[in-house]
Amino acid sequence: MNIAIVGAGNVGQALASSAVRAGHSVSISSSDAAGALEAAAATGARPAGSNREAVAGADIVVIAVWYGVVDSVLTELGDALQGKVVIDVTNPVKPDLSGLLFENTSAAEQIQARIPSVPVVKAFNTVFAARQANPFVDGVALDALIAGDNDAAKTRVSALAESIGFRPIDVGGLELARGLEAFALINMLIQVRTGGSWQGGWKLLEPAA
């Protein structure tokens, strides 16, 4: 697949490195050209001079920026997102981790409302960057919990997740992104309270058939 990663922070670099390792063609962009060059050198991705340049030939666009700048990123990308699948990895948590920024909606739903003709899928937000780069704990593949309203888009995102080592699980429609964002906040709070490693993720265990 041709993957564009918009955002060159810890999450963007983690997903870029795992996607490159899986054999995908990956471009990465940052708020400044130097950041994109550094991220590309660290991950093996191709640096892009702008967000629009990054997404130009992409099949899948990963939004891996702080939620507070998502609106400006979507404004910049505009019609460049048409015909693509957008993955929202953001977590709209309050700065002090006292809760989520929204009630009765999610970041993913907010993004979908901004780009109604482009399928948005929530994915990869429930694990930390360390596990996005390496989705295994003690040899066990972590789950990539995926929510979205477009089945074809979710199939493509599931294939991407599986290719980099996750076990993809389709949790349902985009409304379920609210739960996934809550899962992410819970994971953060556990790490803070216990002095954790910030390397955990969620795993659904079921009895053997």
Protein backbone atom coordinates (compact mmCIF):
# COMPACT_ATOMS: atom_id res chain seq x y z
CA MET A 1 0.00 0.00 0.00
CA ASN A 2 0.95 3.64 -0.37
CA ILE A 3 0.74 5.16 3.10
CA ALA A 4 1.01 8.83 4.06
CA ILE A 5 1.79 9.68 7.68
CA VAL A 6 0.83 13.25 8.55
CA GLY A 7 2.79 14.04 11.70
CA ALA A 8 6.38 13.14 12.54
CA GLY A 9 6.19 12.84 16.32
CA ASN A 10 6.47 9.63 18.32
CA VAL A 11 3.27 8.16 16.90
CA GLY A 12 3.96 9.16 13.31
CA GLN A 13 7.47 7.76 13.43
CA ALA A 14 6.34 4.56 15.12
CA LEU A 15 3.68 3.80 12.52
CA ALA A 16 5.99 4.86 9.68
CA SER A 17 8.71 2.47 10.85
CA SER A 18 6.33 -0.48 11.23
CA ALA A 19 4.69 0.19 7.85
CA VAL A 20 8.07 0.45 6.11
CA ARG A 21 9.17 -2.79 7.79
CA ALA A 22 6.01 -4.46 6.43
CA GLY A 23 6.98 -3.46 2.89
CA HIS A 24 4.64 -0.54 2.33
CA SER A 25 5.60 2.66 0.51
CA VAL A 26 5.48 5.37 3.17
CA SER A 27 5.73 9.14 3.00
CA ILE A 28 5.91 11.28 6.13
CA SER A 29 5.34 14.99 6.68
CA SER A 30 5.85 17.39 9.54
CA SER A 31 5.04 20.97 10.40
CA ASP A 32 8.54 21.80 9.16
CA ALA A 33 10.71 20.27 6.45
CA ALA A 34 13.57 19.49 8.85
CA GLY A 35 11.25 17.43 11.03
CA ALA A 36 10.13 15.38 8.04
CA LEU A 37 13.74 14.77 6.99
CA GLU A 38 14.70 13.61 10.49
CA ALA A 39 11.67 11.32 10.74
CA ALA A 40 12.35 9.86 7.31
CA ALA A 41 15.96 9.16 8.20
CA ALA A 42 14.86 7.43 11.42
CA THR A 43 12.13 5.28 9.84
CA GLY A 44 13.06 4.64 6.22
CA ALA A 45 10.02 6.58 5.00
CA ARG A 46 10.14 9.17 2.23
CA PRO A 47 10.19 12.79 3.46
CA ALA A 48 7.52 15.12 2.08
CA GLY A 49 7.88 18.87 1.82
CA SER A 50 4.28 19.45 2.91
CA ASN A 51 1.24 17.55 4.09
CA ARG A 52 -0.36 17.84 0.65
CA GLU A 53 2.77 16.45 -0.97
CA ALA A 54 2.76 13.53 1.46
CA VAL A 55 -0.80 12.46 0.64
CA ALA A 56 -0.60 13.02 -3.13
CA GLY A 57 -0.04 9.37 -4.10
CA ALA A 58 -1.36 7.70 -0.96
CA ASP A 59 -4.10 5.10 -0.63
CA ILE A 60 -4.28 5.56 3.15
CA VAL A 61 -3.62 8.78 5.09
CA VAL A 62 -2.78 8.50 8.78
CA ILE A 63 -3.55 11.59 10.87
CA ALA A 64 -0.92 11.39 13.62
CA VAL A 65 -0.85 14.91 15.04
CA TRP A 66 -2.08 16.46 18.29
CA TYR A 67 -5.83 16.78 18.13
CA GLY A 68 -5.57 20.54 18.62
CA VAL A 69 -4.04 20.99 15.15
CA VAL A 70 -6.28 18.52 13.29
CA ASP A 71 -8.59 21.25 12.03
CA SER A 72 -5.76 23.20 10.43
CA VAL A 73 -4.33 20.01 8.90
CA LEU A 74 -7.68 19.11 7.34
CA THR A 75 -8.04 22.65 6.01
CA GLU A 76 -4.61 22.40 4.39
CA LEU A 77 -5.28 18.99 2.86
CA GLY A 78 -8.71 19.91 1.51
CA ASP A 79 -9.62 18.00 -1.65
CA ALA A 80 -6.27 16.15 -1.61
CA LEU A 81 -7.98 13.57 0.63
CA GLN A 82 -10.59 12.61 -1.95
CA GLY A 83 -10.47 8.95 -2.94
CA LYS A 84 -8.38 7.96 0.08
CA VAL A 85 -9.01 6.31 3.44
CA VAL A 86 -8.19 8.43 6.48
CA ILE A 87 -7.05 6.78 9.71
CA ASP A 88 -7.53 8.88 12.83
CA VAL A 89 -4.96 7.99 15.50
CA THR A 90 -5.59 11.03 17.69
CA ASN A 91 -6.70 10.98 21.31
CA PRO A 92 -8.57 14.12 22.40
CA VAL A 93 -7.61 14.05 26.07
CA LYS A 94 -7.48 17.04 28.37
CA PRO A 95 -3.92 18.22 29.13
CA ASP A 96 -4.18 17.06 32.76
CA LEU A 97 -5.70 13.69 31.70
CA SER A 98 -8.82 14.48 33.72
CA GLY A 99 -11.05 13.34 30.87
CA LEU A 100 -11.78 13.55 27.16
CA LEU A 101 -12.44 16.84 25.42
CA PHE A 102 -15.90 15.78 24.21
CA GLU A 103 -19.08 14.18 25.41
CA ASN A 104 -21.39 12.26 23.06
CA THR A 105 -18.93 12.43 20.17
CA SER A 106 -15.33 11.55 19.33
CA ALA A 107 -12.37 12.99 17.50
CA ALA A 108 -13.00 10.52 14.67
CA GLU A 109 -16.62 11.63 14.31
CA GLN A 110 -15.52 15.26 14.33
CA ILE A 111 -13.05 14.54 11.54
CA GLN A 112 -15.66 12.59 9.55
CA ALA A 113 -18.01 15.57 9.82
CA ARG A 114 -15.30 17.78 8.34
CA ILE A 115 -14.66 15.42 5.39
CA PRO A 116 -18.01 13.66 4.84
CA SER A 117 -17.09 12.23 1.42
CA VAL A 118 -13.91 10.56 2.70
CA PRO A 119 -14.14 7.39 4.84
CA VAL A 120 -12.60 7.87 8.29
CA VAL A 121 -11.48 4.90 10.38
CA LYS A 122 -10.39 5.04 14.02
CA ALA A 123 -7.40 2.79 14.61
CA PHE A 124 -4.07 2.39 16.44
CA ASN A 125 -4.99 4.94 19.13
CA THR A 126 -5.41 2.39 21.94
CA VAL A 127 -1.70 1.45 22.08
CA PHE A 128 1.30 3.63 22.80
CA ALA A 129 3.97 4.55 20.25
CA ALA A 130 6.34 1.84 21.47
CA ARG A 131 3.76 -0.79 20.56
CA GLN A 132 2.79 0.90 17.31
CA ALA A 133 6.39 0.38 16.27
CA ASN A 134 6.43 -3.19 17.61
CA PRO A 135 2.92 -4.56 18.31
CA PHE A 136 3.97 -7.51 20.46
CA VAL A 137 4.19 -8.00 24.23
CA ASP A 138 6.00 -11.14 25.36
CA GLY A 139 5.51 -12.56 21.88
CA VAL A 140 1.76 -11.94 21.83
CA ALA A 141 0.30 -9.77 19.07
CA LEU A 142 -1.70 -6.86 20.45
CA ASP A 143 -5.13 -5.98 19.09
CA ALA A 144 -5.74 -3.13 16.67
CA LEU A 145 -9.27 -2.06 17.58
CA ILE A 146 -10.90 -0.49 14.53
CA ALA A 147 -14.10 1.56 14.21
CA GLY A 148 -15.68 3.04 11.10
CA ASP A 149 -18.84 3.28 9.03
CA ASN A 150 -17.32 2.18 5.70
CA ASP A 151 -16.74 -1.57 5.54
CA ALA A 152 -14.38 -1.42 2.56
CA ALA A 153 -12.24 1.18 4.32
CA LYS A 154 -12.12 -0.92 7.49
CA THR A 155 -11.04 -3.94 5.44
CA ARG A 156 -8.10 -1.97 4.07
CA VAL A 157 -7.12 -0.68 7.50
CA SER A 158 -7.40 -4.18 8.94
CA ALA A 159 -5.06 -5.45 6.22
CA LEU A 160 -2.56 -2.71 7.08
CA ALA A 161 -2.78 -3.51 10.80
CA GLU A 162 -2.30 -7.22 10.20
CA SER A 163 0.66 -6.62 7.91
CA ILE A 164 2.55 -4.78 10.65
CA GLY A 165 1.83 -7.42 13.26
CA PHE A 166 -1.43 -6.50 14.99
CA ARG A 167 -4.51 -8.69 15.30
CA PRO A 168 -7.20 -6.42 13.81
CA ILE A 169 -10.63 -6.38 15.45
CA ASP A 170 -13.55 -4.51 13.88
CA VAL A 171 -15.49 -3.14 16.85
CA GLY A 172 -18.28 -1.56 14.78
CA GLY A 173 -19.36 1.83 13.49
CA LEU A 174 -17.53 5.12 13.91
CA GLU A 175 -19.63 5.93 16.98
CA LEU A 176 -17.60 3.25 18.77
CA ALA A 177 -14.55 5.50 18.39
CA ARG A 178 -15.83 7.15 21.58
CA GLY A 179 -15.09 3.93 23.41
CA LEU A 180 -11.68 3.52 21.78
CA GLU A 181 -10.70 7.03 22.83
CA ALA A 182 -11.84 6.22 26.36
CA PHE A 183 -9.73 3.02 26.24
CA ALA A 184 -6.71 5.13 25.35
CA LEU A 185 -7.33 7.51 28.25
CA ILE A 186 -7.72 4.58 30.67
CA ASN A 187 -4.40 3.16 29.45
CA MET A 188 -2.71 6.52 30.06
CA LEU A 189 -4.19 6.84 33.55
CA ILE A 190 -3.06 3.33 34.47
CA GLN A 191 0.49 4.22 33.44
CA VAL A 192 0.46 7.43 35.48
CA ARG A 193 -1.01 5.78 38.57
CA THR A 194 1.28 2.76 38.55
CA GLY A 195 4.45 4.31 37.16
CA GLY A 196 4.09 2.03 34.17
CA SER A 197 6.33 1.51 31.17
CA TRP A 198 4.02 3.25 28.67
CA GLN A 199 4.40 0.22 26.43
CA GLY A 200 1.14 -1.62 27.03
CA GLY A 201 -1.85 -2.21 24.82
CA TRP A 202 -5.21 -3.97 24.84
CA LYS A 203 -5.77 -7.66 24.14
CA LEU A 204 -9.16 -9.35 23.93
CA LEU A 205 -8.88 -12.93 25.17
CA GLU A 206 -11.52 -15.51 24.30
CA PRO A 207 -11.70 -19.22 25.16
CA ALA A 208 -10.71 -21.60 22.42
CA ALA A 209 -13.61 -22.79 20.27
